[in-house]
C-alpha atoms as a PDB file:
ATOM      1  CA  MET A   1     -26.282  -4.967 -85.942  1.00  0.00           C
ATOM      2  CA  GLN A   2     -23.978  -5.190 -82.919  1.00  0.00           C
ATOM      3  CA  ILE A   3     -22.617  -1.911 -81.744  1.00  0.00           C
ATOM      4  CA  THR A   4     -19.185  -1.910 -79.998  1.00  0.00           C
ATOM      5  CA  SER A   5     -17.241   0.885 -78.405  1.00  0.00           C
ATOM      6  CA  GLU A   6     -13.792   1.197 -76.780  1.00  0.00           C
ATOM      7  CA  ALA A   7     -15.077   3.772 -74.359  1.00  0.00           C
ATOM      8  CA  ALA A   8     -15.883   2.667 -70.809  1.00  0.00           C
ATOM      9  CA  VAL A   9     -19.502   2.403 -69.956  1.00  0.00           C
ATOM     10  CA  PRO A  10     -20.202   4.524 -66.871  1.00  0.00           C
ATOM     11  CA  THR A  11     -21.758   2.655 -63.936  1.00  0.00           C
ATOM     12  CA  PHE A  12     -23.030   3.814 -60.485  1.00  0.00           C
ATOM     13  CA  GLN A  13     -20.982   2.364 -57.548  1.00  0.00           C
ATOM     14  CA  PRO A  14     -22.233   3.563 -54.089  1.00  0.00           C
ATOM     15  CA  ARG A  15     -19.649   4.064 -51.215  1.00  0.00           C
ATOM     16  CA  ARG A  16     -19.551   1.141 -48.784  1.00  0.00           C
ATOM     17  CA  PRO A  17     -19.095   2.105 -45.077  1.00  0.00           C
ATOM     18  CA  TRP A  18     -18.263  -1.402 -43.841  1.00  0.00           C
ATOM     19  CA  PRO A  19     -14.451  -1.139 -43.477  1.00  0.00           C
ATOM     20  CA  THR A  20     -14.735   2.025 -41.378  1.00  0.00           C
ATOM     21  CA  LEU A  21     -17.506   0.575 -39.227  1.00  0.00           C
ATOM     22  CA  LEU A  22     -15.551  -2.611 -38.587  1.00  0.00           C
ATOM     23  CA  ALA A  23     -12.507  -0.597 -37.561  1.00  0.00           C
ATOM     24  CA  TRP A  24     -14.564   1.362 -35.039  1.00  0.00           C
ATOM     25  CA  LEU A  25     -16.089  -1.810 -33.620  1.00  0.00           C
ATOM     26  CA  ALA A  26     -12.647  -3.398 -33.228  1.00  0.00           C
ATOM     27  CA  ALA A  27     -11.363  -0.331 -31.375  1.00  0.00           C
ATOM     28  CA  ILE A  28     -14.352  -0.385 -29.014  1.00  0.00           C
ATOM     29  CA  VAL A  29     -13.791  -4.076 -28.231  1.00  0.00           C
ATOM     30  CA  VAL A  30     -10.120  -3.425 -27.397  1.00  0.00           C
ATOM     31  CA  VAL A  31     -11.038  -0.554 -25.054  1.00  0.00           C
ATOM     32  CA  VAL A  32     -13.642  -2.733 -23.280  1.00  0.00           C
ATOM     33  CA  LEU A  33     -11.118  -5.545 -22.804  1.00  0.00           C
ATOM     34  CA  ILE A  34      -8.523  -3.184 -21.344  1.00  0.00           C
ATOM     35  CA  CYS A  35     -11.048  -1.709 -18.906  1.00  0.00           C
ATOM     36  CA  THR A  36     -12.117  -5.214 -17.860  1.00  0.00           C
ATOM     37  CA  LEU A  37      -8.539  -6.239 -17.128  1.00  0.00           C
ATOM     38  CA  VAL A  38      -7.967  -3.103 -15.040  1.00  0.00           C
ATOM     39  CA  VAL A  39     -11.130  -3.707 -12.984  1.00  0.00           C
ATOM     40  CA  VAL A  40     -10.191  -7.369 -12.391  1.00  0.00           C
ATOM     41  CA  LYS A  41      -6.725  -6.366 -11.205  1.00  0.00           C
ATOM     42  CA  ILE A  42      -8.232  -3.852  -8.767  1.00  0.00           C
ATOM     43  CA  VAL A  43     -10.929  -6.164  -7.416  1.00  0.00           C
ATOM     44  CA  ARG A  44      -8.717  -9.256  -7.294  1.00  0.00           C
ATOM     45  CA  PRO A  45      -5.281  -8.299  -5.905  1.00  0.00           C
ATOM     46  CA  GLU A  46      -2.339 -10.530  -6.662  1.00  0.00           C
ATOM     47  CA  ARG A  47      -0.528 -12.499  -3.979  1.00  0.00           C
ATOM     48  CA  SER A  48       2.768 -10.849  -3.073  1.00  0.00           C
ATOM     49  CA  GLY A  49       5.733 -13.179  -3.029  1.00  0.00           C
ATOM     50  CA  GLY A  50       8.715 -13.560  -0.727  1.00  0.00           C
ATOM     51  CA  THR A  51       9.210 -12.352   2.834  1.00  0.00           C
ATOM     52  CA  ASP A  52      10.333  -9.123   4.401  1.00  0.00           C
ATOM     53  CA  PRO A  53      14.064  -8.715   4.991  1.00  0.00           C
ATOM     54  CA  VAL A  54      15.213  -9.296   8.559  1.00  0.00           C
ATOM     55  CA  THR A  55      15.848  -6.204  10.657  1.00  0.00           C
ATOM     56  CA  ALA A  56      18.798  -6.845  12.981  1.00  0.00           C
ATOM     57  CA  VAL A  57      18.304  -6.398  16.702  1.00  0.00           C
ATOM     58  CA  SER A  58      20.242  -3.472  18.133  1.00  0.00           C
ATOM     59  CA  GLY A  59      23.607  -4.130  19.735  1.00  0.00           C
ATOM     60  CA  SER A  60      22.474  -2.774  23.100  1.00  0.00           C
ATOM     61  CA  ILE A  61      19.498  -5.133  23.299  1.00  0.00           C
ATOM     62  CA  ALA A  62      21.580  -8.122  22.181  1.00  0.00           C
ATOM     63  CA  LEU A  63      24.138  -7.341  24.898  1.00  0.00           C
ATOM     64  CA  LYS A  64      21.487  -7.070  27.622  1.00  0.00           C
ATOM     65  CA  LEU A  65      19.980 -10.424  26.645  1.00  0.00           C
ATOM     66  CA  ALA A  66      23.408 -12.038  26.764  1.00  0.00           C
ATOM     67  CA  THR A  67      24.406 -10.579  30.135  1.00  0.00           C
ATOM     68  CA  VAL A  68      21.410 -11.036  32.435  1.00  0.00           C
ATOM     69  CA  PRO A  69      22.998 -11.246  35.909  1.00  0.00           C
ATOM     70  CA  ASP A  70      22.807 -14.373  38.063  1.00  0.00           C
ATOM     71  CA  SER A  71      21.026 -12.330  40.725  1.00  0.00           C
ATOM     72  CA  ALA A  72      18.048 -11.920  38.370  1.00  0.00           C
ATOM     73  CA  PHE A  73      17.777 -15.693  37.854  1.00  0.00           C
ATOM     74  CA  GLN A  74      18.018 -16.235  41.611  1.00  0.00           C
ATOM     75  CA  ALA A  75      15.250 -13.711  42.237  1.00  0.00           C
ATOM     76  CA  ALA A  76      13.011 -15.605  39.813  1.00  0.00           C
ATOM     77  CA  LYS A  77      13.632 -18.823  41.735  1.00  0.00           C
ATOM     78  CA  LEU A  78      12.393 -17.113  44.892  1.00  0.00           C
ATOM     79  CA  THR A  79       9.338 -15.574  43.192  1.00  0.00           C
ATOM     80  CA  PRO A  80       8.435 -17.791  40.230  1.00  0.00           C
ATOM     81  CA  VAL A  81       5.588 -17.019  37.855  1.00  0.00           C
ATOM     82  CA  ALA A  82       3.155 -19.749  36.842  1.00  0.00           C
ATOM     83  CA  MET A  83       3.910 -20.974  33.334  1.00  0.00           C
ATOM     84  CA  VAL A  84       1.322 -21.374  30.600  1.00  0.00           C
ATOM     85  CA  ASP A  85       2.726 -24.634  29.190  1.00  0.00           C
ATOM     86  CA  VAL A  86       5.332 -26.919  30.727  1.00  0.00           C
ATOM     87  CA  LEU A  87       8.180 -29.090  29.517  1.00  0.00           C
ATOM     88  CA  HIS A  88       7.454 -32.787  29.079  1.00  0.00           C
ATOM     89  CA  SER A  89      10.100 -35.489  29.150  1.00  0.00           C
ATOM     90  CA  ARG A  90      10.338 -37.710  26.099  1.00  0.00           C
ATOM     91  CA  LYS A  91      12.062 -40.970  25.302  1.00  0.00           C
ATOM     92  CA  GLY A  92      14.258 -41.565  22.323  1.00  0.00           C
ATOM     93  CA  PRO A  93      17.800 -41.107  21.058  1.00  0.00           C
ATOM     94  CA  LEU A  94      19.783 -38.034  21.998  1.00  0.00           C
ATOM     95  CA  LEU A  95      19.184 -35.252  19.499  1.00  0.00           C
ATOM     96  CA  THR A  96      22.527 -33.809  18.376  1.00  0.00           C
ATOM     97  CA  GLY A  97      23.924 -31.311  15.902  1.00  0.00           C
ATOM     98  CA  ILE A  98      27.292 -30.185  14.577  1.00  0.00           C
ATOM     99  CA  SER A  99      28.715 -27.022  16.120  1.00  0.00           C
ATOM    100  CA  PRO A 100      30.499 -24.336  14.032  1.00  0.00           C
ATOM    101  CA  ASN A 101      33.725 -25.928  15.271  1.00  0.00           C
ATOM    102  CA  GLY A 102      32.724 -29.318  13.878  1.00  0.00           C
ATOM    103  CA  VAL A 103      31.925 -30.901  17.258  1.00  0.00           C
ATOM    104  CA  ARG A 104      28.786 -33.019  17.744  1.00  0.00           C
ATOM    105  CA  LEU A 105      26.793 -31.615  20.677  1.00  0.00           C
ATOM    106  CA  PRO A 106      23.237 -31.835  22.053  1.00  0.00           C
ATOM    107  CA  LEU A 107      20.791 -29.982  19.807  1.00  0.00           C
ATOM    108  CA  VAL A 108      18.046 -27.562  20.834  1.00  0.00           C
ATOM    109  CA  VAL A 109      15.299 -27.080  18.237  1.00  0.00           C
ATOM    110  CA  PHE A 110      12.801 -24.227  18.093  1.00  0.00           C
ATOM    111  CA  VAL A 111      10.000 -24.222  15.519  1.00  0.00           C
ATOM    112  CA  GLY A 112       7.625 -21.272  15.443  1.00  0.00           C
ATOM    113  CA  THR A 113       6.053 -18.600  13.274  1.00  0.00           C
ATOM    114  CA  GLU A 114       7.012 -14.946  13.179  1.00  0.00           C
ATOM    115  CA  SER A 115       3.437 -13.693  13.603  1.00  0.00           C
ATOM    116  CA  SER A 116       2.513 -15.962  16.532  1.00  0.00           C
ATOM    117  CA  MET A 117       2.062 -14.383  19.968  1.00  0.00           C
ATOM    118  CA  SER A 118       3.040 -17.678  21.636  1.00  0.00           C
ATOM    119  CA  SER A 119       6.222 -17.892  19.587  1.00  0.00           C
ATOM    120  CA  ALA A 120       6.938 -14.253  20.412  1.00  0.00           C
ATOM    121  CA  ALA A 121       6.692 -14.934  24.143  1.00  0.00           C
ATOM    122  CA  GLU A 122       8.705 -18.160  24.188  1.00  0.00           C
ATOM    123  CA  ARG A 123      11.591 -16.737  22.155  1.00  0.00           C
ATOM    124  CA  TRP A 124      12.419 -14.397  25.034  1.00  0.00           C
ATOM    125  CA  ALA A 125      12.925 -17.349  27.389  1.00  0.00           C
ATOM    126  CA  ILE A 126      14.805 -19.414  24.781  1.00  0.00           C
ATOM    127  CA  ILE A 127      17.235 -16.603  23.997  1.00  0.00           C
ATOM    128  CA  VAL A 128      17.848 -15.704  27.641  1.00  0.00           C
ATOM    129  CA  ALA A 129      18.367 -19.348  28.654  1.00  0.00           C
ATOM    130  CA  LEU A 130      20.635 -20.306  25.754  1.00  0.00           C
ATOM    131  CA  SER A 131      22.661 -17.124  26.212  1.00  0.00           C
ATOM    132  CA  ARG A 132      23.879 -18.605  29.506  1.00  0.00           C
ATOM    133  CA  PHE A 133      25.528 -21.426  27.512  1.00  0.00           C
ATOM    134  CA  GLY A 134      26.663 -19.542  24.428  1.00  0.00           C
ATOM    135  CA  ARG A 135      26.030 -16.482  22.260  1.00  0.00           C
ATOM    136  CA  PHE A 136      23.513 -15.555  19.582  1.00  0.00           C
ATOM    137  CA  THR A 137      24.412 -13.378  16.628  1.00  0.00           C
ATOM    138  CA  LYS A 138      22.298 -11.981  13.780  1.00  0.00           C
ATOM    139  CA  LEU A 139      19.067 -12.096  15.734  1.00  0.00           C
ATOM    140  CA  GLY A 140      16.270 -10.239  13.963  1.00  0.00           C
ATOM    141  CA  THR A 141      13.269  -8.319  15.241  1.00  0.00           C
ATOM    142  CA  VAL A 142       9.588  -9.124  14.666  1.00  0.00           C
ATOM    143  CA  THR A 143       6.253  -8.072  16.097  1.00  0.00           C
ATOM    144  CA  SER A 144       3.434 -10.577  16.458  1.00  0.00           C
ATOM    145  CA  SER A 145       0.093 -10.219  14.682  1.00  0.00           C
ATOM    146  CA  ALA A 146      -1.962  -7.127  15.443  1.00  0.00           C
ATOM    147  CA  THR A 147      -5.191  -9.087  15.013  1.00  0.00           C
ATOM    148  CA  ALA A 148      -4.501 -11.719  17.718  1.00  0.00           C
ATOM    149  CA  TRP A 149      -4.867 -11.225  21.453  1.00  0.00           C
ATOM    150  CA  PRO A 150      -2.713  -9.983  22.975  1.00  0.00           C
ATOM    151  CA  PRO A 151      -1.661  -8.072  19.857  1.00  0.00           C
ATOM    152  CA  SER A 152       1.617  -6.685  18.538  1.00  0.00           C
ATOM    153  CA  LEU A 153       4.102  -8.269  20.956  1.00  0.00           C
ATOM    154  CA  GLU A 154       7.691  -7.231  20.283  1.00  0.00           C
ATOM    155  CA  SER A 155      10.035 -10.181  19.945  1.00  0.00           C
ATOM    156  CA  PHE A 156      12.751 -11.704  17.774  1.00  0.00           C
ATOM    157  CA  THR A 157      13.158 -14.018  14.814  1.00  0.00           C
ATOM    158  CA  PHE A 158      15.615 -16.873  14.376  1.00  0.00           C
ATOM    159  CA  ARG A 159      15.522 -16.468  10.574  1.00  0.00           C
ATOM    160  CA  GLY A 160      19.180 -15.910   9.736  1.00  0.00           C
ATOM    161  CA  ALA A 161      20.337 -16.121  13.373  1.00  0.00           C
ATOM    162  CA  ARG A 162      23.510 -17.937  14.455  1.00  0.00           C
ATOM    163  CA  TYR A 163      24.378 -19.597  17.755  1.00  0.00           C
ATOM    164  CA  ARG A 164      27.815 -20.557  19.030  1.00  0.00           C
ATOM    165  CA  SER A 165      28.413 -22.580  22.200  1.00  0.00           C
ATOM    166  CA  ALA A 166      30.948 -25.013  23.629  1.00  0.00           C
ATOM    167  CA  TYR A 167      28.116 -27.108  25.078  1.00  0.00           C
ATOM    168  CA  LEU A 168      25.080 -27.002  22.767  1.00  0.00           C
ATOM    169  CA  THR A 169      23.933 -26.513  19.199  1.00  0.00           C
ATOM    170  CA  PHE A 170      20.770 -24.711  18.154  1.00  0.00           C
ATOM    171  CA  ALA A 171      18.447 -24.784  15.157  1.00  0.00           C
ATOM    172  CA  GLY A 172      15.662 -22.205  14.967  1.00  0.00           C
ATOM    173  CA  TYR A 173      12.960 -22.380  12.301  1.00  0.00           C
ATOM    174  CA  GLU A 174      10.368 -19.710  11.518  1.00  0.00           C
ATOM    175  CA  LEU A 175       7.846 -21.427   9.264  1.00  0.00           C
ATOM    176  CA  THR A 176       5.894 -18.342   8.192  1.00  0.00           C
ATOM    177  CA  ALA A 177       6.742 -14.675   7.887  1.00  0.00           C
ATOM    178  CA  GLU A 178       5.789 -11.724  10.056  1.00  0.00           C
ATOM    179  CA  HIS A 179       3.378  -9.990   7.677  1.00  0.00           C
ATOM    180  CA  PRO A 180       0.513 -11.463   5.612  1.00  0.00           C
ATOM    181  CA  ASP A 181       0.309 -11.034   1.861  1.00  0.00           C
ATOM    182  CA  ASN A 182      -2.476  -9.186   0.036  1.00  0.00           C
ATOM    183  CA  LEU A 183      -4.787 -12.167   0.422  1.00  0.00           C
ATOM    184  CA  GLY A 184      -4.281 -12.414   4.192  1.00  0.00           C
ATOM    185  CA  ASN A 185      -2.026 -15.483   4.057  1.00  0.00           C
ATOM    186  CA  TYR A 186       1.365 -15.641   5.746  1.00  0.00           C
ATOM    187  CA  PRO A 187       4.133 -16.546   3.268  1.00  0.00           C
ATOM    188  CA  ALA A 188       6.486 -19.422   4.042  1.00  0.00           C
ATOM    189  CA  ALA A 189       9.721 -18.173   5.605  1.00  0.00           C
ATOM    190  CA  MET A 190      11.867 -21.269   6.235  1.00  0.00           C
ATOM    191  CA  ALA A 191      11.589 -24.896   5.177  1.00  0.00           C
ATOM    192  CA  LEU A 192      11.522 -27.540   7.899  1.00  0.00           C
ATOM    193  CA  PRO A 193      13.731 -30.594   7.235  1.00  0.00           C
ATOM    194  CA  ARG A 194      11.767 -33.806   6.855  1.00  0.00           C
ATOM    195  CA  ASP A 195      13.355 -35.499   9.867  1.00  0.00           C
ATOM    196  CA  LEU A 196      12.375 -32.606  12.127  1.00  0.00           C
ATOM    197  CA  ALA A 197       8.878 -32.493  10.663  1.00  0.00           C
ATOM    198  CA  ASN A 198       8.489 -36.169  11.505  1.00  0.00           C
ATOM    199  CA  LEU A 199       9.837 -35.520  14.991  1.00  0.00           C
ATOM    200  CA  ILE A 200       7.239 -32.841  15.584  1.00  0.00           C
ATOM    201  CA  HIS A 201       4.347 -34.968  14.349  1.00  0.00           C
ATOM    202  CA  VAL A 202       5.400 -37.762  16.693  1.00  0.00           C
ATOM    203  CA  ASN A 203       6.002 -35.659  19.796  1.00  0.00           C
ATOM    204  CA  ASP A 204       3.661 -32.699  19.465  1.00  0.00           C
ATOM    205  CA  THR A 205       0.808 -33.395  21.890  1.00  0.00           C
ATOM    206  CA  MET A 206      -1.614 -31.235  19.929  1.00  0.00           C
ATOM    207  CA  ALA A 207      -0.945 -33.314  16.829  1.00  0.00           C
ATOM    208  CA  SER A 208      -1.679 -36.543  18.707  1.00  0.00           C
ATOM    209  CA  ASP A 209      -4.898 -35.053  20.101  1.00  0.00           C
ATOM    210  CA  LEU A 210      -6.056 -34.023  16.658  1.00  0.00           C
ATOM    211  CA  ALA A 211      -5.116 -37.418  15.253  1.00  0.00           C
ATOM    212  CA  SER A 212      -8.026 -38.893  17.202  1.00  0.00           C
ATOM    213  CA  ALA A 213     -10.449 -36.237  15.957  1.00  0.00           C
ATOM    214  CA  PRO A 214     -13.348 -37.069  13.605  1.00  0.00           C
ATOM    215  CA  VAL A 215     -12.614 -38.085  10.052  1.00  0.00           C
ATOM    216  CA  GLY A 216     -11.812 -35.085   7.875  1.00  0.00           C
ATOM    217  CA  VAL A 217      -9.905 -33.143  10.544  1.00  0.00           C
ATOM    218  CA  LYS A 218      -6.271 -32.992   9.534  1.00  0.00           C
ATOM    219  CA  ALA A 219      -3.746 -33.457  12.348  1.00  0.00           C
ATOM    220  CA  GLU A 220      -1.582 -30.354  12.523  1.00  0.00           C
ATOM    221  CA  PRO A 221       1.168 -29.569  15.045  1.00  0.00           C
ATOM    222  CA  ALA A 222       0.866 -26.612  17.386  1.00  0.00           C
ATOM    223  CA  TYR A 223       3.608 -23.983  17.536  1.00  0.00           C
ATOM    224  CA  PRO A 224       5.958 -23.084  18.975  1.00  0.00           C
ATOM    225  CA  PHE A 225       7.523 -26.490  19.374  1.00  0.00           C
ATOM    226  CA  VAL A 226      10.761 -26.855  21.344  1.00  0.00           C
ATOM    227  CA  ASP A 227      12.901 -29.974  21.681  1.00  0.00           C
ATOM    228  CA  LEU A 228      15.776 -29.989  24.148  1.00  0.00           C
ATOM    229  CA  GLY A 229      18.232 -32.597  22.920  1.00  0.00           C
ATOM    230  CA  GLY A 230      15.589 -35.276  22.555  1.00  0.00           C
ATOM    231  CA  ARG A 231      15.077 -35.394  26.314  1.00  0.00           C
ATOM    232  CA  SER A 232      12.219 -32.925  26.802  1.00  0.00           C
ATOM    233  CA  VAL A 233       9.747 -31.067  24.624  1.00  0.00           C
ATOM    234  CA  LEU A 234       7.569 -28.000  24.903  1.00  0.00           C
ATOM    235  CA  VAL A 235       4.393 -27.449  22.911  1.00  0.00           C
ATOM    236  CA  GLY A 236       3.240 -23.863  23.246  1.00  0.00           C
ATOM    237  CA  THR A 237       4.824 -21.206  25.423  1.00  0.00           C
ATOM    238  CA  GLN A 238       5.952 -21.154  29.012  1.00  0.00           C
ATOM    239  CA  VAL A 239       5.849 -17.359  29.138  1.00  0.00           C
ATOM    240  CA  PRO A 240       2.395 -15.758  29.476  1.00  0.00           C
ATOM    241  CA  PRO A 241       2.025 -13.559  26.365  1.00  0.00           C
ATOM    242  CA  SER A 242       0.332 -10.981  28.590  1.00  0.00           C
ATOM    243  CA  ALA A 243       3.764 -10.284  30.084  1.00  0.00           C
ATOM    244  CA  LEU A 244       4.765  -8.593  26.814  1.00  0.00           C
ATOM    245  CA  ILE A 245       1.738  -6.325  26.445  1.00  0.00           C
ATOM    246  CA  GLY A 246       2.674  -2.698  25.939  1.00  0.00           C
ATOM    247  CA  ILE A 247       6.423  -3.045  26.398  1.00  0.00           C
ATOM    248  CA  SER A 248       9.160  -2.515  23.843  1.00  0.00           C
ATOM    249  CA  ARG A 249      12.082  -4.850  23.240  1.00  0.00           C
ATOM    250  CA  TYR A 250      14.408  -2.226  24.664  1.00  0.00           C
ATOM    251  CA  ASP A 251      12.454  -1.768  27.898  1.00  0.00           C
ATOM    252  CA  MET A 252      11.924  -5.504  28.350  1.00  0.00           C
ATOM    253  CA  ALA A 253      15.637  -6.172  27.934  1.00  0.00           C
ATOM    254  CA  ASN A 254      16.350  -3.491  30.539  1.00  0.00           C
ATOM    255  CA  ILE A 255      13.984  -4.761  33.229  1.00  0.00           C
ATOM    256  CA  LEU A 256      15.385  -8.305  33.040  1.00  0.00           C
ATOM    257  CA  ALA A 257      18.376  -7.081  35.023  1.00  0.00           C
ATOM    258  CA  GLY A 258      16.382  -4.842  37.368  1.00  0.00           C
ATOM    259  CA  PRO A 259      14.200  -5.375  40.429  1.00  0.00           C
ATOM    260  CA  PRO A 260      11.746  -8.290  40.148  1.00  0.00           C
ATOM    261  CA  ARG A 261       8.584  -7.470  38.204  1.00  0.00           C
ATOM    262  CA  PHE A 262       5.903  -9.692  36.702  1.00  0.00           C
ATOM    263  CA  LYS A 263       7.132  -9.078  33.155  1.00  0.00           C
ATOM    264  CA  SER A 264      10.751  -9.948  33.904  1.00  0.00           C
ATOM    265  CA  LEU A 265       9.921 -12.804  36.285  1.00  0.00           C
ATOM    266  CA  ALA A 266       7.724 -14.436  33.632  1.00  0.00           C
ATOM    267  CA  VAL A 267      10.680 -14.647  31.232  1.00  0.00           C
ATOM    268  CA  LEU A 268      13.252 -15.548  33.882  1.00  0.00           C
ATOM    269  CA  THR A 269      11.123 -18.287  35.457  1.00  0.00           C
ATOM    270  CA  ALA A 270      10.824 -19.959  32.059  1.00  0.00           C
ATOM    271  CA  ALA A 271      14.531 -19.447  31.390  1.00  0.00           C
ATOM    272  CA  ASN A 272      15.350 -21.134  34.710  1.00  0.00           C
ATOM    273  CA  GLU A 273      13.255 -24.172  33.759  1.00  0.00           C
ATOM    274  CA  LEU A 274      14.958 -24.390  30.390  1.00  0.00           C
ATOM    275  CA  SER A 275      18.389 -23.961  31.981  1.00  0.00           C
ATOM    276  CA  ALA A 276      17.765 -26.849  34.382  1.00  0.00           C
ATOM    277  CA  GLN A 277      16.990 -29.156  31.448  1.00  0.00           C
ATOM    278  CA  LEU A 278      19.948 -27.883  29.450  1.00  0.00           C
ATOM    279  CA  CYS A 279      22.315 -28.509  32.366  1.00  0.00           C
ATOM    280  CA  GLN A 280      21.358 -32.185  32.204  1.00  0.00           C
ATOM    281  CA  LEU A 281      22.335 -32.242  28.533  1.00  0.00           C
ATOM    282  CA  THR A 282      25.675 -30.545  29.208  1.00  0.00           C
ATOM    283  CA  HIS A 283      26.495 -32.694  32.285  1.00  0.00           C
ATOM    284  CA  GLY A 284      26.499 -29.679  34.580  1.00  0.00           C
ATOM    285  CA  LYS A 285      28.492 -27.265  32.435  1.00  0.00           C
ATOM    286  CA  PRO A 286      29.186 -24.428  32.709  1.00  0.00           C
ATOM    287  CA  ALA A 287      29.498 -24.636  36.475  1.00  0.00           C
ATOM    288  CA  ASN A 288      28.435 -21.029  37.112  1.00  0.00           C
ATOM    289  CA  VAL A 289      25.075 -21.779  35.486  1.00  0.00           C
ATOM    290  CA  CYS A 290      24.457 -25.351  36.576  1.00  0.00           C
ATOM    291  CA  SER A 291      25.665 -25.211  40.175  1.00  0.00           C
END
């Protein structure tokens, strides 16, 4: 006989801990992943982007650079300082640019880097020389690398600078910024037009030397590179960087107009050499500079 009943038959069902255990394991995995990401971020810093904003040079320093007296240039002619690198003549078409007034005039090109001690030294001579033919505005301040020798030379940057002259045009390029990023690399500051890049590779003597180096050595230009209207070039710096050791921009600008000293004569000797080349481009103008 089959016995049936509508009542539920009691059964034993033990409690299963699996859902709770899985939840705890998932939480532990999440915590481990978060900790790993934090450690990676600390050990492997990210590259910072962009460049520092330009700090404008003070009005008093800009005025002193623009008004170095003729007597100071004459004193440097009587007691010149030996230059580190010299100008070399070059053949080719006249290099010209368009002035703010829309006039085509001989072009002076400067290509450097904001952290370079050589660029820091040569900018002093470039600014002083060109200020005899026109006026700079919006010059910025930079200090060269503290890890090079000589270190921490106070100078200027042409990033954002403007130049106005009745005789010349000027283009200044700072390829890399003043300060390195978190990985020790210097961020790009300004892009060099392709035609000027080609000009540098053709006329930069360091690039031509490296071009004959063993296979695998990439030919790279040396900076600063200066081209004066396509008639002469400078690779490196005329001014001994040692002339800028331990002196501020303010003090250096002051001594340019004072009694002859090694520091001022180093800049003024280079400025005189640049001025002589520039006077050829301007056909002897202005007369008070080129006479």
